[in-house]
Amino acid sequence: MVPHEKGRAQGEEWGFVWPSVYDKSGQSAIDMQGKMTTQPSTAVLDRQGRIAAVVLGATTQSTLQGLIEDTLAEEGR
C-alpha cells in the first residue's frame, strides 16, 4: 500500500469526513506557505481558504475541534 492509500485508509477507520491531501511532489506543502513542514500535518482553513491554524505531527479530535471552534469564533467577530 502506498503512503496516501495508508493515510486514506486510516482516516476512514477513524471516521474522518474531511479531505486529506497527499502530494508526492510536495507542491501542496509549498502552496501551504511553508507552514506544514512535517507529516502528518493538519491545517485548519478559514472560510476564505486561509490558514488559521497548523498542527505539526499527530493531533487529537478534541484539539482539532478546539481549533475549528476558535477559527469560527474569530470569524464571527
N, C-alpha and C. Protein backbone atom coordinates (compact mmCIF):
# COMPACT_ATOMS: atom_id res chain seq x y z
N MET A 1 0.86 -1.18 0.00
CA MET A 1 0.00 0.00 0.00
C MET A 1 0.90 1.24 0.00
N VAL A 2 0.63 2.18 -0.89
CA VAL A 2 1.42 3.41 -0.95
C VAL A 2 0.97 4.38 0.14
N PRO A 3 1.83 5.35 0.53
CA PRO A 3 1.53 6.22 1.67
C PRO A 3 0.15 6.88 1.65
N HIS A 4 -0.25 7.43 0.51
CA HIS A 4 -1.54 8.13 0.52
C HIS A 4 -2.71 7.17 0.71
N GLU A 5 -2.56 5.92 0.25
CA GLU A 5 -3.60 4.93 0.48
C GLU A 5 -3.66 4.55 1.96
N LYS A 6 -2.49 4.44 2.60
CA LYS A 6 -2.45 4.16 4.03
C LYS A 6 -3.14 5.26 4.82
N GLY A 7 -2.80 6.50 4.48
CA GLY A 7 -3.40 7.64 5.17
C GLY A 7 -4.90 7.69 4.98
N ARG A 8 -5.34 7.46 3.75
CA ARG A 8 -6.78 7.48 3.47
C ARG A 8 -7.48 6.37 4.24
N ALA A 9 -6.89 5.17 4.26
CA ALA A 9 -7.49 4.05 4.98
C ALA A 9 -7.56 4.35 6.47
N GLN A 10 -6.51 4.95 7.02
CA GLN A 10 -6.51 5.29 8.45
C GLN A 10 -7.59 6.32 8.75
N GLY A 11 -7.71 7.33 7.90
CA GLY A 11 -8.74 8.33 8.08
C GLY A 11 -10.13 7.73 8.05
N GLU A 12 -10.35 6.81 7.14
CA GLU A 12 -11.66 6.14 7.06
C GLU A 12 -11.92 5.32 8.32
N GLU A 13 -10.87 4.63 8.79
CA GLU A 13 -11.03 3.83 10.01
C GLU A 13 -11.41 4.71 11.19
N TRP A 14 -10.82 5.91 11.26
CA TRP A 14 -11.10 6.83 12.35
C TRP A 14 -12.38 7.62 12.13
N GLY A 15 -13.01 7.48 10.98
CA GLY A 15 -14.27 8.17 10.71
C GLY A 15 -14.11 9.61 10.26
N PHE A 16 -12.93 9.97 9.75
CA PHE A 16 -12.72 11.35 9.27
C PHE A 16 -13.61 11.61 8.06
N VAL A 17 -14.23 12.76 8.04
CA VAL A 17 -15.08 13.13 6.91
C VAL A 17 -14.53 14.34 6.15
N TRP A 18 -13.39 14.85 6.58
CA TRP A 18 -12.80 16.00 5.90
C TRP A 18 -11.72 15.52 4.93
N PRO A 19 -11.38 16.37 3.97
CA PRO A 19 -10.40 15.94 2.97
C PRO A 19 -9.00 15.83 3.52
N SER A 20 -8.23 14.94 2.92
CA SER A 20 -6.83 14.75 3.26
C SER A 20 -6.02 14.95 1.99
N VAL A 21 -4.87 15.56 2.11
CA VAL A 21 -4.04 15.84 0.95
C VAL A 21 -2.77 15.02 1.02
N TYR A 22 -2.49 14.29 -0.03
CA TYR A 22 -1.19 13.62 -0.17
C TYR A 22 -0.63 14.08 -1.50
N ASP A 23 0.55 14.62 -1.48
CA ASP A 23 1.16 15.15 -2.70
C ASP A 23 2.63 14.78 -2.73
N LYS A 24 2.93 13.72 -3.46
CA LYS A 24 4.31 13.23 -3.53
C LYS A 24 5.27 14.30 -4.05
N SER A 25 4.81 15.18 -4.92
CA SER A 25 5.67 16.21 -5.50
C SER A 25 6.03 17.29 -4.48
N GLY A 26 5.23 17.43 -3.44
CA GLY A 26 5.48 18.46 -2.44
C GLY A 26 4.88 19.81 -2.78
N GLN A 27 4.20 19.92 -3.91
CA GLN A 27 3.63 21.21 -4.31
C GLN A 27 2.59 21.70 -3.30
N SER A 28 1.82 20.78 -2.73
CA SER A 28 0.82 21.18 -1.74
C SER A 28 1.48 21.83 -0.53
N ALA A 29 2.62 21.27 -0.10
CA ALA A 29 3.35 21.85 1.03
C ALA A 29 3.84 23.25 0.68
N ILE A 30 4.32 23.42 -0.54
CA ILE A 30 4.75 24.75 -0.99
C ILE A 30 3.57 25.71 -0.97
N ASP A 31 2.44 25.24 -1.48
CA ASP A 31 1.24 26.07 -1.51
C ASP A 31 0.73 26.41 -0.11
N MET A 32 1.09 25.62 0.88
CA MET A 32 0.66 25.87 2.25
C MET A 32 1.62 26.83 2.95
N GLN A 33 2.35 27.60 2.18
CA GLN A 33 3.17 28.70 2.69
C GLN A 33 4.26 28.24 3.64
N GLY A 34 4.77 27.02 3.46
CA GLY A 34 5.85 26.51 4.29
C GLY A 34 5.45 26.24 5.73
N LYS A 35 4.17 26.22 6.04
CA LYS A 35 3.72 26.04 7.42
C LYS A 35 3.50 24.58 7.78
N MET A 36 3.41 23.73 6.78
CA MET A 36 3.19 22.31 7.03
C MET A 36 4.47 21.59 6.64
N THR A 37 5.39 21.50 7.58
CA THR A 37 6.75 21.06 7.28
C THR A 37 7.04 19.62 7.67
N THR A 38 6.05 18.90 8.16
CA THR A 38 6.25 17.51 8.55
C THR A 38 5.00 16.72 8.25
N GLN A 39 5.14 15.42 8.27
CA GLN A 39 3.98 14.57 8.08
C GLN A 39 3.80 13.72 9.32
N PRO A 40 2.62 13.59 9.85
CA PRO A 40 1.42 14.27 9.37
C PRO A 40 1.38 15.73 9.82
N SER A 41 0.67 16.52 9.07
CA SER A 41 0.38 17.91 9.43
C SER A 41 -1.11 18.13 9.22
N THR A 42 -1.68 18.97 10.04
CA THR A 42 -3.09 19.29 9.92
C THR A 42 -3.23 20.80 9.85
N ALA A 43 -3.98 21.26 8.87
CA ALA A 43 -4.24 22.70 8.74
C ALA A 43 -5.74 22.94 8.86
N VAL A 44 -6.08 23.96 9.61
CA VAL A 44 -7.46 24.43 9.69
C VAL A 44 -7.52 25.69 8.84
N LEU A 45 -8.42 25.69 7.88
CA LEU A 45 -8.58 26.84 7.00
C LEU A 45 -9.82 27.63 7.38
N ASP A 46 -9.75 28.94 7.21
CA ASP A 46 -10.94 29.75 7.46
C ASP A 46 -11.84 29.71 6.23
N ARG A 47 -12.93 30.42 6.29
CA ARG A 47 -13.91 30.37 5.19
C ARG A 47 -13.38 30.94 3.89
N GLN A 48 -12.31 31.73 3.97
CA GLN A 48 -11.69 32.29 2.77
C GLN A 48 -10.57 31.39 2.26
N GLY A 49 -10.33 30.25 2.90
CA GLY A 49 -9.30 29.32 2.48
C GLY A 49 -7.91 29.66 2.98
N ARG A 50 -7.82 30.59 3.92
CA ARG A 50 -6.53 30.96 4.51
C ARG A 50 -6.22 30.05 5.69
N ILE A 51 -4.93 29.83 5.94
CA ILE A 51 -4.52 29.00 7.07
C ILE A 51 -4.81 29.73 8.37
N ALA A 52 -5.64 29.12 9.21
CA ALA A 52 -5.97 29.71 10.51
C ALA A 52 -5.16 29.05 11.62
N ALA A 53 -4.82 27.77 11.45
CA ALA A 53 -4.05 27.04 12.47
C ALA A 53 -3.38 25.85 11.82
N VAL A 54 -2.23 25.46 12.38
CA VAL A 54 -1.50 24.30 11.90
C VAL A 54 -1.04 23.47 13.09
N VAL A 55 -1.20 22.17 12.98
CA VAL A 55 -0.67 21.23 13.97
C VAL A 55 0.36 20.37 13.25
N LEU A 56 1.59 20.39 13.72
CA LEU A 56 2.63 19.54 13.15
C LEU A 56 2.71 18.27 13.96
N GLY A 57 2.57 17.15 13.30
CA GLY A 57 2.55 15.86 13.99
C GLY A 57 1.13 15.40 14.25
N ALA A 58 1.02 14.36 15.02
CA ALA A 58 -0.30 13.79 15.31
C ALA A 58 -1.14 14.77 16.12
N THR A 59 -2.44 14.67 15.96
CA THR A 59 -3.35 15.51 16.72
C THR A 59 -4.51 14.66 17.21
N THR A 60 -5.33 15.25 18.04
CA THR A 60 -6.49 14.54 18.57
C THR A 60 -7.76 15.23 18.08
N GLN A 61 -8.85 14.52 18.20
CA GLN A 61 -10.12 15.09 17.79
C GLN A 61 -10.45 16.33 18.62
N SER A 62 -10.17 16.28 19.93
CA SER A 62 -10.50 17.42 20.78
C SER A 62 -9.66 18.64 20.43
N THR A 63 -8.38 18.43 20.11
CA THR A 63 -7.54 19.56 19.69
C THR A 63 -8.05 20.15 18.40
N LEU A 64 -8.35 19.29 17.44
CA LEU A 64 -8.84 19.76 16.15
C LEU A 64 -10.18 20.49 16.31
N GLN A 65 -11.05 19.95 17.11
CA GLN A 65 -12.35 20.58 17.34
C GLN A 65 -12.16 21.97 17.97
N GLY A 66 -11.25 22.08 18.93
CA GLY A 66 -10.98 23.36 19.56
C GLY A 66 -10.45 24.39 18.56
N LEU A 67 -9.54 23.96 17.68
CA LEU A 67 -9.01 24.87 16.67
C LEU A 67 -10.09 25.34 15.71
N ILE A 68 -10.97 24.43 15.33
CA ILE A 68 -12.07 24.79 14.43
C ILE A 68 -13.00 25.78 15.12
N GLU A 69 -13.34 25.51 16.38
CA GLU A 69 -14.22 26.42 17.12
C GLU A 69 -13.58 27.79 17.29
N ASP A 70 -12.28 27.82 17.58
CA ASP A 70 -11.56 29.11 17.69
C ASP A 70 -11.59 29.87 16.38
N THR A 71 -11.38 29.16 15.28
CA THR A 71 -11.39 29.80 13.96
C THR A 71 -12.76 30.37 13.65
N LEU A 72 -13.81 29.61 13.93
CA LEU A 72 -15.16 30.12 13.70
C LEU A 72 -15.47 31.32 14.57
N ALA A 73 -15.00 31.29 15.82
CA ALA A 73 -15.25 32.41 16.73
C ALA A 73 -14.54 33.67 16.23
N GLU A 74 -13.32 33.53 15.73
CA GLU A 74 -12.57 34.67 15.21
C GLU A 74 -13.30 35.29 14.03
N GLU A 75 -13.87 34.44 13.19
CA GLU A 75 -14.57 34.93 12.01
C GLU A 75 -15.87 35.63 12.38
N GLY A 76 -16.43 35.27 13.53
CA GLY A 76 -17.69 35.84 13.96
C GLY A 76 -17.55 37.23 14.57
N ARG A 77 -16.31 37.66 14.82
CA ARG A 77 -16.11 38.97 15.47
C ARG A 77 -16.36 40.10 14.53
